[in-house]
C-alpha atoms as a PDB file:
ATOM      1  CA  MET A   1     -28.708-250.460  68.558  1.00  0.00           C
ATOM      2  CA  ASN A   2     -26.393-247.805  68.526  1.00  0.00           C
ATOM      3  CA  GLU A   3     -26.180-245.229  66.047  1.00  0.00           C
ATOM      4  CA  LEU A   4     -23.572-246.428  63.495  1.00  0.00           C
ATOM      5  CA  LEU A   5     -25.057-250.434  64.032  1.00  0.00           C
ATOM      6  CA  ASP A   6     -28.403-248.633  62.808  1.00  0.00           C
ATOM      7  CA  LEU A   7     -27.171-247.075  59.688  1.00  0.00           C
ATOM      8  CA  ALA A   8     -25.462-250.074  58.809  1.00  0.00           C
ATOM      9  CA  VAL A   9     -28.277-252.230  59.148  1.00  0.00           C
ATOM     10  CA  LYS A  10     -30.203-250.052  57.222  1.00  0.00           C
ATOM     11  CA  ALA A  11     -27.486-249.516  54.398  1.00  0.00           C
ATOM     12  CA  HIS A  12     -27.508-253.509  53.923  1.00  0.00           C
ATOM     13  CA  GLY A  13     -31.157-254.315  53.175  1.00  0.00           C
ATOM     14  CA  GLY A  14     -32.821-253.241  56.912  1.00  0.00           C
ATOM     15  CA  LEU A  15     -33.717-255.585  60.183  1.00  0.00           C
ATOM     16  CA  GLU A  16     -37.339-255.461  59.240  1.00  0.00           C
ATOM     17  CA  ARG A  17     -35.885-257.901  56.064  1.00  0.00           C
ATOM     18  CA  TRP A  18     -33.720-259.728  57.215  1.00  0.00           C
ATOM     19  CA  LYS A  19     -35.930-260.864  59.853  1.00  0.00           C
ATOM     20  CA  GLN A  20     -37.867-262.703  56.962  1.00  0.00           C
ATOM     21  CA  ILE A  21     -34.903-264.344  55.794  1.00  0.00           C
ATOM     22  CA  SER A  22     -33.224-267.818  56.664  1.00  0.00           C
ATOM     23  CA  LYS A  23     -31.163-268.853  54.418  1.00  0.00           C
ATOM     24  CA  ILE A  24     -28.458-267.888  51.588  1.00  0.00           C
ATOM     25  CA  SER A  25     -26.552-269.875  49.326  1.00  0.00           C
ATOM     26  CA  ALA A  26     -23.956-269.082  46.792  1.00  0.00           C
ATOM     27  CA  ARG A  27     -21.494-270.569  44.841  1.00  0.00           C
ATOM     28  CA  THR A  28     -17.994-269.693  46.282  1.00  0.00           C
ATOM     29  CA  SER A  29     -14.290-269.380  45.220  1.00  0.00           C
ATOM     30  CA  GLY A  30     -11.760-269.428  47.832  1.00  0.00           C
ATOM     31  CA  LYS A  31      -8.086-268.899  47.507  1.00  0.00           C
ATOM     32  CA  GLY A  32      -5.267-267.399  49.040  1.00  0.00           C
ATOM     33  CA  ALA A  33      -1.645-268.392  50.736  1.00  0.00           C
ATOM     34  CA  LEU A  34      -3.419-269.129  53.953  1.00  0.00           C
ATOM     35  CA  TRP A  35      -4.157-272.486  52.526  1.00  0.00           C
ATOM     36  CA  HIS A  36      -1.116-273.160  50.805  1.00  0.00           C
ATOM     37  CA  LEU A  37       0.387-272.500  54.336  1.00  0.00           C
ATOM     38  CA  LYS A  38      -2.099-275.411  55.753  1.00  0.00           C
ATOM     39  CA  GLY A  39      -1.337-277.743  53.107  1.00  0.00           C
ATOM     40  CA  ASN A  40      -4.426-277.151  51.411  1.00  0.00           C
ATOM     41  CA  PRO A  41      -4.330-275.239  48.091  1.00  0.00           C
ATOM     42  CA  GLY A  42      -7.040-276.084  46.134  1.00  0.00           C
ATOM     43  CA  LEU A  43      -9.667-277.414  48.304  1.00  0.00           C
ATOM     44  CA  LEU A  44     -12.244-274.322  47.898  1.00  0.00           C
ATOM     45  CA  ASP A  45     -11.578-273.614  45.041  1.00  0.00           C
ATOM     46  CA  ASP A  46     -15.246-273.945  43.768  1.00  0.00           C
ATOM     47  CA  TYR A  47     -17.724-275.236  46.356  1.00  0.00           C
ATOM     48  CA  LYS A  48     -21.332-274.029  46.943  1.00  0.00           C
ATOM     49  CA  LEU A  49     -22.353-272.926  50.638  1.00  0.00           C
ATOM     50  CA  GLU A  50     -25.759-272.810  52.083  1.00  0.00           C
ATOM     51  CA  ILE A  51     -26.148-271.103  55.578  1.00  0.00           C
ATOM     52  CA  ASN A  52     -29.053-270.952  58.031  1.00  0.00           C
ATOM     53  CA  THR A  53     -29.204-266.865  58.874  1.00  0.00           C
ATOM     54  CA  ARG A  54     -30.759-267.672  62.483  1.00  0.00           C
ATOM     55  CA  GLU A  55     -28.145-270.317  63.663  1.00  0.00           C
ATOM     56  CA  GLN A  56     -24.972-271.565  62.984  1.00  0.00           C
ATOM     57  CA  HIS A  57     -25.641-274.077  60.684  1.00  0.00           C
ATOM     58  CA  VAL A  58     -23.260-274.227  57.143  1.00  0.00           C
ATOM     59  CA  VAL A  59     -23.320-276.849  54.188  1.00  0.00           C
ATOM     60  CA  LEU A  60     -20.370-276.635  52.035  1.00  0.00           C
ATOM     61  CA  GLU A  61     -21.194-279.109  49.243  1.00  0.00           C
ATOM     62  CA  GLY A  62     -18.365-280.041  47.037  1.00  0.00           C
ATOM     63  CA  PHE A  63     -16.156-279.800  49.838  1.00  0.00           C
ATOM     64  CA  SER A  64     -12.832-281.592  49.146  1.00  0.00           C
ATOM     65  CA  ALA A  65     -14.476-283.704  46.178  1.00  0.00           C
ATOM     66  CA  VAL A  66     -17.477-283.298  43.988  1.00  0.00           C
ATOM     67  CA  ASP A  67     -19.410-286.273  45.481  1.00  0.00           C
ATOM     68  CA  LYS A  68     -18.839-285.162  49.520  1.00  0.00           C
ATOM     69  CA  ARG A  69     -20.297-281.964  51.418  1.00  0.00           C
ATOM     70  CA  SER A  70     -19.313-280.795  54.923  1.00  0.00           C
ATOM     71  CA  VAL A  71     -21.597-279.934  57.504  1.00  0.00           C
ATOM     72  CA  PHE A  72     -21.236-277.326  60.440  1.00  0.00           C
ATOM     73  CA  THR A  73     -22.217-276.618  63.347  1.00  0.00           C
ATOM     74  CA  PRO A  74     -20.017-274.836  66.594  1.00  0.00           C
ATOM     75  CA  GLU A  75     -20.658-278.466  68.538  1.00  0.00           C
ATOM     76  CA  ARG A  76     -19.630-281.129  65.349  1.00  0.00           C
ATOM     77  CA  VAL A  77     -18.288-281.179  61.626  1.00  0.00           C
ATOM     78  CA  THR A  78     -18.585-283.811  59.510  1.00  0.00           C
ATOM     79  CA  ILE A  79     -18.038-285.045  55.958  1.00  0.00           C
ATOM     80  CA  GLU A  80     -20.497-286.878  53.757  1.00  0.00           C
ATOM     81  CA  SER A  81     -21.582-288.621  50.861  1.00  0.00           C
ATOM     82  CA  ILE A  82     -23.930-286.256  48.729  1.00  0.00           C
ATOM     83  CA  ALA A  83     -25.180-289.354  47.290  1.00  0.00           C
ATOM     84  CA  THR A  84     -26.157-291.284  49.962  1.00  0.00           C
ATOM     85  CA  GLY A  85     -25.388-289.291  53.222  1.00  0.00           C
ATOM     86  CA  GLU A  86     -23.305-291.162  54.659  1.00  0.00           C
ATOM     87  CA  THR A  87     -21.308-289.683  57.415  1.00  0.00           C
ATOM     88  CA  LEU A  88     -17.227-290.274  56.275  1.00  0.00           C
ATOM     89  CA  LEU A  89     -15.588-288.275  58.495  1.00  0.00           C
ATOM     90  CA  PHE A  90     -16.567-286.221  62.019  1.00  0.00           C
ATOM     91  CA  ARG A  91     -15.276-284.677  64.823  1.00  0.00           C
ATOM     92  CA  ASP A  92     -17.107-283.302  67.979  1.00  0.00           C
ATOM     93  CA  ASN A  93     -16.062-279.653  69.250  1.00  0.00           C
ATOM     94  CA  PRO A  94     -13.986-279.205  67.071  1.00  0.00           C
ATOM     95  CA  ARG A  95     -12.408-276.074  67.756  1.00  0.00           C
ATOM     96  CA  ALA A  96     -10.530-278.012  70.636  1.00  0.00           C
ATOM     97  CA  ALA A  97      -8.657-279.769  67.780  1.00  0.00           C
ATOM     98  CA  PHE A  98      -7.161-276.118  67.011  1.00  0.00           C
ATOM     99  CA  ASP A  99      -5.253-276.090  70.348  1.00  0.00           C
ATOM    100  CA  GLY A 100      -1.802-275.339  70.290  1.00  0.00           C
ATOM    101  CA  HIS A 101      -1.775-274.323  66.621  1.00  0.00           C
ATOM    102  CA  VAL A 102       0.508-272.189  65.207  1.00  0.00           C
ATOM    103  CA  LEU A 103       0.305-270.376  61.789  1.00  0.00           C
ATOM    104  CA  SER A 104       2.635-273.468  60.325  1.00  0.00           C
ATOM    105  CA  THR A 105       0.468-276.101  61.650  1.00  0.00           C
ATOM    106  CA  PRO A 106      -1.266-278.229  59.049  1.00  0.00           C
ATOM    107  CA  TRP A 107      -5.227-278.305  58.571  1.00  0.00           C
ATOM    108  CA  ASP A 108      -7.226-281.873  57.924  1.00  0.00           C
ATOM    109  CA  ASP A 109     -10.097-281.336  55.855  1.00  0.00           C
ATOM    110  CA  LEU A 110     -12.251-281.220  59.391  1.00  0.00           C
ATOM    111  CA  HIS A 111     -10.192-278.337  60.168  1.00  0.00           C
ATOM    112  CA  VAL A 112     -10.981-276.714  57.159  1.00  0.00           C
ATOM    113  CA  ALA A 113     -14.630-277.777  57.043  1.00  0.00           C
ATOM    114  CA  TYR A 114     -14.768-275.682  60.243  1.00  0.00           C
ATOM    115  CA  PHE A 115     -12.634-272.501  60.134  1.00  0.00           C
ATOM    116  CA  ALA A 116     -14.181-272.013  56.468  1.00  0.00           C
ATOM    117  CA  SER A 117     -17.938-272.747  57.567  1.00  0.00           C
ATOM    118  CA  TYR A 118     -17.972-270.308  60.432  1.00  0.00           C
ATOM    119  CA  ALA A 119     -15.988-267.563  58.895  1.00  0.00           C
ATOM    120  CA  MET A 120     -18.227-267.596  55.967  1.00  0.00           C
ATOM    121  CA  TRP A 121     -21.419-267.413  57.882  1.00  0.00           C
ATOM    122  CA  VAL A 122     -20.293-264.393  59.580  1.00  0.00           C
ATOM    123  CA  TYR A 123     -19.188-262.853  56.266  1.00  0.00           C
ATOM    124  CA  LEU A 124     -22.698-263.473  55.261  1.00  0.00           C
ATOM    125  CA  THR A 125     -24.707-262.155  58.122  1.00  0.00           C
ATOM    126  CA  GLN A 126     -22.667-258.756  59.115  1.00  0.00           C
ATOM    127  CA  PRO A 127     -23.980-256.586  60.074  1.00  0.00           C
ATOM    128  CA  PHE A 128     -27.428-257.871  61.173  1.00  0.00           C
ATOM    129  CA  LEU A 129     -25.476-260.591  63.269  1.00  0.00           C
ATOM    130  CA  TYR A 130     -24.641-257.666  66.099  1.00  0.00           C
ATOM    131  CA  THR A 131     -28.326-257.445  66.577  1.00  0.00           C
ATOM    132  CA  TYR A 132     -28.552-260.700  67.933  1.00  0.00           C
ATOM    133  CA  PRO A 133     -28.857-261.908  71.630  1.00  0.00           C
ATOM    134  CA  GLY A 134     -25.475-261.061  73.385  1.00  0.00           C
ATOM    135  CA  PHE A 135     -23.677-258.702  71.542  1.00  0.00           C
ATOM    136  CA  VAL A 136     -22.019-256.213  72.653  1.00  0.00           C
ATOM    137  CA  THR A 137     -21.102-252.990  70.395  1.00  0.00           C
ATOM    138  CA  GLU A 138     -19.086-249.330  71.254  1.00  0.00           C
ATOM    139  CA  GLU A 139     -18.478-247.112  68.599  1.00  0.00           C
ATOM    140  CA  LEU A 140     -14.589-245.993  68.319  1.00  0.00           C
ATOM    141  CA  SER A 141     -12.933-243.137  66.661  1.00  0.00           C
ATOM    142  CA  PRO A 142     -12.864-242.529  63.318  1.00  0.00           C
ATOM    143  CA  TRP A 143     -10.166-244.283  60.331  1.00  0.00           C
ATOM    144  CA  GLN A 144      -8.791-242.665  57.180  1.00  0.00           C
ATOM    145  CA  GLU A 145      -7.986-244.997  54.716  1.00  0.00           C
ATOM    146  CA  ASN A 146      -8.649-245.420  50.911  1.00  0.00           C
ATOM    147  CA  GLY A 147      -9.553-241.377  50.708  1.00  0.00           C
ATOM    148  CA  GLU A 148     -12.266-242.217  52.974  1.00  0.00           C
ATOM    149  CA  THR A 149     -13.343-241.532  56.301  1.00  0.00           C
ATOM    150  CA  TRP A 150     -14.873-244.942  57.914  1.00  0.00           C
ATOM    151  CA  ARG A 151     -16.529-245.272  61.565  1.00  0.00           C
ATOM    152  CA  ARG A 152     -15.707-248.141  63.266  1.00  0.00           C
ATOM    153  CA  LEU A 153     -17.613-250.367  65.765  1.00  0.00           C
ATOM    154  CA  LYS A 154     -16.374-253.101  68.292  1.00  0.00           C
ATOM    155  CA  VAL A 155     -18.199-255.885  68.552  1.00  0.00           C
ATOM    156  CA  ILE A 156     -17.493-258.315  71.329  1.00  0.00           C
ATOM    157  CA  PHE A 157     -19.164-261.692  70.349  1.00  0.00           C
ATOM    158  CA  PRO A 158     -21.249-264.328  72.850  1.00  0.00           C
ATOM    159  CA  ASP A 159     -19.804-267.000  73.765  1.00  0.00           C
ATOM    160  CA  TYR A 160     -22.172-269.416  71.468  1.00  0.00           C
ATOM    161  CA  ILE A 161     -21.325-267.244  68.310  1.00  0.00           C
ATOM    162  CA  ALA A 162     -18.309-269.754  66.832  1.00  0.00           C
ATOM    163  CA  SER A 163     -15.711-266.811  64.904  1.00  0.00           C
ATOM    164  CA  HIS A 164     -12.223-265.431  64.513  1.00  0.00           C
ATOM    165  CA  CYS A 165     -12.229-264.153  68.268  1.00  0.00           C
ATOM    166  CA  ARG A 166     -14.005-262.324  70.780  1.00  0.00           C
ATOM    167  CA  GLU A 167     -13.520-258.539  69.996  1.00  0.00           C
ATOM    168  CA  GLN A 168     -13.585-257.470  66.336  1.00  0.00           C
ATOM    169  CA  ILE A 169     -13.585-253.874  64.625  1.00  0.00           C
ATOM    170  CA  SER A 170     -15.935-253.392  61.732  1.00  0.00           C
ATOM    171  CA  TYR A 171     -15.552-250.217  59.690  1.00  0.00           C
ATOM    172  CA  PHE A 172     -18.453-248.480  57.694  1.00  0.00           C
ATOM    173  CA  GLY A 173     -18.111-245.937  54.615  1.00  0.00           C
ATOM    174  CA  GLU A 174     -20.147-242.793  54.496  1.00  0.00           C
ATOM    175  CA  ASP A 175     -22.863-245.014  52.692  1.00  0.00           C
ATOM    176  CA  GLY A 176     -23.000-247.309  56.047  1.00  0.00           C
ATOM    177  CA  LEU A 177     -21.692-250.511  54.316  1.00  0.00           C
ATOM    178  CA  LEU A 178     -18.957-252.704  55.366  1.00  0.00           C
ATOM    179  CA  ARG A 179     -15.647-251.764  54.098  1.00  0.00           C
ATOM    180  CA  ARG A 180     -13.198-253.430  56.459  1.00  0.00           C
ATOM    181  CA  HIS A 181     -13.622-256.297  59.157  1.00  0.00           C
ATOM    182  CA  ASP A 182     -10.534-256.604  61.802  1.00  0.00           C
ATOM    183  CA  TYR A 183      -9.662-259.668  64.020  1.00  0.00           C
ATOM    184  CA  ASN A 184      -7.047-261.991  65.385  1.00  0.00           C
ATOM    185  CA  THR A 185      -7.386-265.636  64.473  1.00  0.00           C
ATOM    186  CA  ASP A 186      -7.697-267.239  67.132  1.00  0.00           C
ATOM    187  CA  VAL A 187      -7.510-271.024  65.157  1.00  0.00           C
ATOM    188  CA  ILE A 188      -4.695-270.208  63.816  1.00  0.00           C
ATOM    189  CA  GLY A 189      -2.494-268.611  66.911  1.00  0.00           C
ATOM    190  CA  ARG A 190      -2.709-265.509  68.834  1.00  0.00           C
ATOM    191  CA  GLY A 191      -0.469-262.553  67.158  1.00  0.00           C
ATOM    192  CA  SER A 192      -2.771-262.886  63.815  1.00  0.00           C
ATOM    193  CA  PRO A 193      -4.578-259.938  63.350  1.00  0.00           C
ATOM    194  CA  ALA A 194      -5.910-260.204  59.920  1.00  0.00           C
ATOM    195  CA  ALA A 195      -8.118-257.561  58.135  1.00  0.00           C
ATOM    196  CA  ASN A 196     -10.782-258.473  55.500  1.00  0.00           C
ATOM    197  CA  TYR A 197     -11.419-256.220  52.942  1.00  0.00           C
ATOM    198  CA  ALA A 198     -15.413-256.068  51.297  1.00  0.00           C
ATOM    199  CA  SER A 199     -16.566-255.380  47.925  1.00  0.00           C
ATOM    200  CA  ASP A 200     -18.625-255.445  44.854  1.00  0.00           C
ATOM    201  CA  TYR A 201     -21.703-255.577  46.502  1.00  0.00           C
ATOM    202  CA  GLN A 202     -24.729-256.457  44.772  1.00  0.00           C
ATOM    203  CA  GLU A 203     -28.663-256.204  45.826  1.00  0.00           C
ATOM    204  CA  VAL A 204     -30.513-259.625  46.398  1.00  0.00           C
ATOM    205  CA  ASN A 205     -33.757-259.884  47.225  1.00  0.00           C
ATOM    206  CA  GLY A 206     -33.134-256.907  49.127  1.00  0.00           C
ATOM    207  CA  ILE A 207     -30.287-257.579  51.227  1.00  0.00           C
ATOM    208  CA  ILE A 208     -27.020-255.471  49.690  1.00  0.00           C
ATOM    209  CA  VAL A 209     -24.009-258.113  49.849  1.00  0.00           C
ATOM    210  CA  PRO A 210     -20.536-258.020  49.005  1.00  0.00           C
ATOM    211  CA  THR A 211     -19.369-260.721  46.374  1.00  0.00           C
ATOM    212  CA  LYS A 212     -15.400-260.088  47.407  1.00  0.00           C
ATOM    213  CA  ARG A 213     -13.390-260.554  50.427  1.00  0.00           C
ATOM    214  CA  ARG A 214      -9.765-260.318  50.419  1.00  0.00           C
ATOM    215  CA  VAL A 215      -7.564-260.396  53.324  1.00  0.00           C
ATOM    216  CA  TYR A 216      -4.624-259.318  54.469  1.00  0.00           C
ATOM    217  CA  PRO A 217      -2.088-259.281  57.647  1.00  0.00           C
ATOM    218  CA  VAL A 218      -2.271-255.922  59.556  1.00  0.00           C
ATOM    219  CA  GLN A 219       1.539-254.162  60.605  1.00  0.00           C
ATOM    220  CA  GLU A 220       1.788-251.814  62.933  1.00  0.00           C
ATOM    221  CA  GLY A 221      -0.430-248.983  63.614  1.00  0.00           C
ATOM    222  CA  GLY A 222      -3.530-251.076  61.998  1.00  0.00           C
ATOM    223  CA  LEU A 223      -2.244-250.692  58.242  1.00  0.00           C
ATOM    224  CA  LYS A 224      -2.601-253.267  55.710  1.00  0.00           C
ATOM    225  CA  ALA A 225       0.099-254.841  54.862  1.00  0.00           C
ATOM    226  CA  PRO A 226       0.406-255.028  51.116  1.00  0.00           C
ATOM    227  CA  GLU A 227       1.002-259.478  50.527  1.00  0.00           C
ATOM    228  CA  PRO A 228       0.455-261.575  51.353  1.00  0.00           C
ATOM    229  CA  LEU A 229      -3.362-261.981  50.476  1.00  0.00           C
ATOM    230  CA  ILE A 230      -3.862-264.265  53.234  1.00  0.00           C
ATOM    231  CA  VAL A 231      -7.773-265.390  51.912  1.00  0.00           C
ATOM    232  CA  SER A 232      -9.495-263.887  48.925  1.00  0.00           C
ATOM    233  CA  ILE A 233     -13.134-265.136  48.217  1.00  0.00           C
ATOM    234  CA  ASP A 234     -15.280-264.812  45.361  1.00  0.00           C
ATOM    235  CA  MET A 235     -18.732-265.967  45.192  1.00  0.00           C
ATOM    236  CA  SER A 236     -21.312-265.853  42.347  1.00  0.00           C
ATOM    237  CA  GLU A 237     -25.215-267.245  41.815  1.00  0.00           C
ATOM    238  CA  ILE A 238     -25.930-265.733  45.180  1.00  0.00           C
ATOM    239  CA  SER A 239     -29.995-267.097  46.706  1.00  0.00           C
ATOM    240  CA  ILE A 240     -31.363-265.110  49.475  1.00  0.00           C
ATOM    241  CA  ALA A 241     -34.659-266.905  50.975  1.00  0.00           C
END
């Protein structure tokens, strides 16, 4: 583990504490321009999520309707009845369903479930995720923003992790906490760089968690475009066990 990653992991609660954890749940609201572009406004306004921190398994309860949930793994996404457990919709190899997509391509419920699930799993496991097998990290030159100097960590994701893209950059403040997370959203179409800002940190059972995320387009030179707000994420009732 390089020095910057070690600093970030300690700032967010430490690796030993993280290894004792297997589950994170939260009430979540996801809004922003993306859902209008994809034809899904309101779909993620209010849902509960539960993730397994040790492998990519995510349940979104209240997804698309109060009586439904989605269940995600990288190989399969399903939408089920909460009452009966009956599978209502499913898609194997869900990543392939995005082939040829551009920003204006509409998404069905299974597209949304796949995207929201892998994204939230990554966000909730950062920066500990970067210590998992197969990740490669390298510190880059520092970055000035918001009157602060942020240290930047380039992260190469292994193939077994479903995520936005293989090469991503995380920015950390002097306190070691994540400030910004950059990536290209491949499932939307190449050439869709985004800057994801983490804020409003809260300590939950020994882990320091950002309860707000705001995602904006990235302009030339790596600067954040002031609009549109692509995605907003607000979390409450967070439980870590």
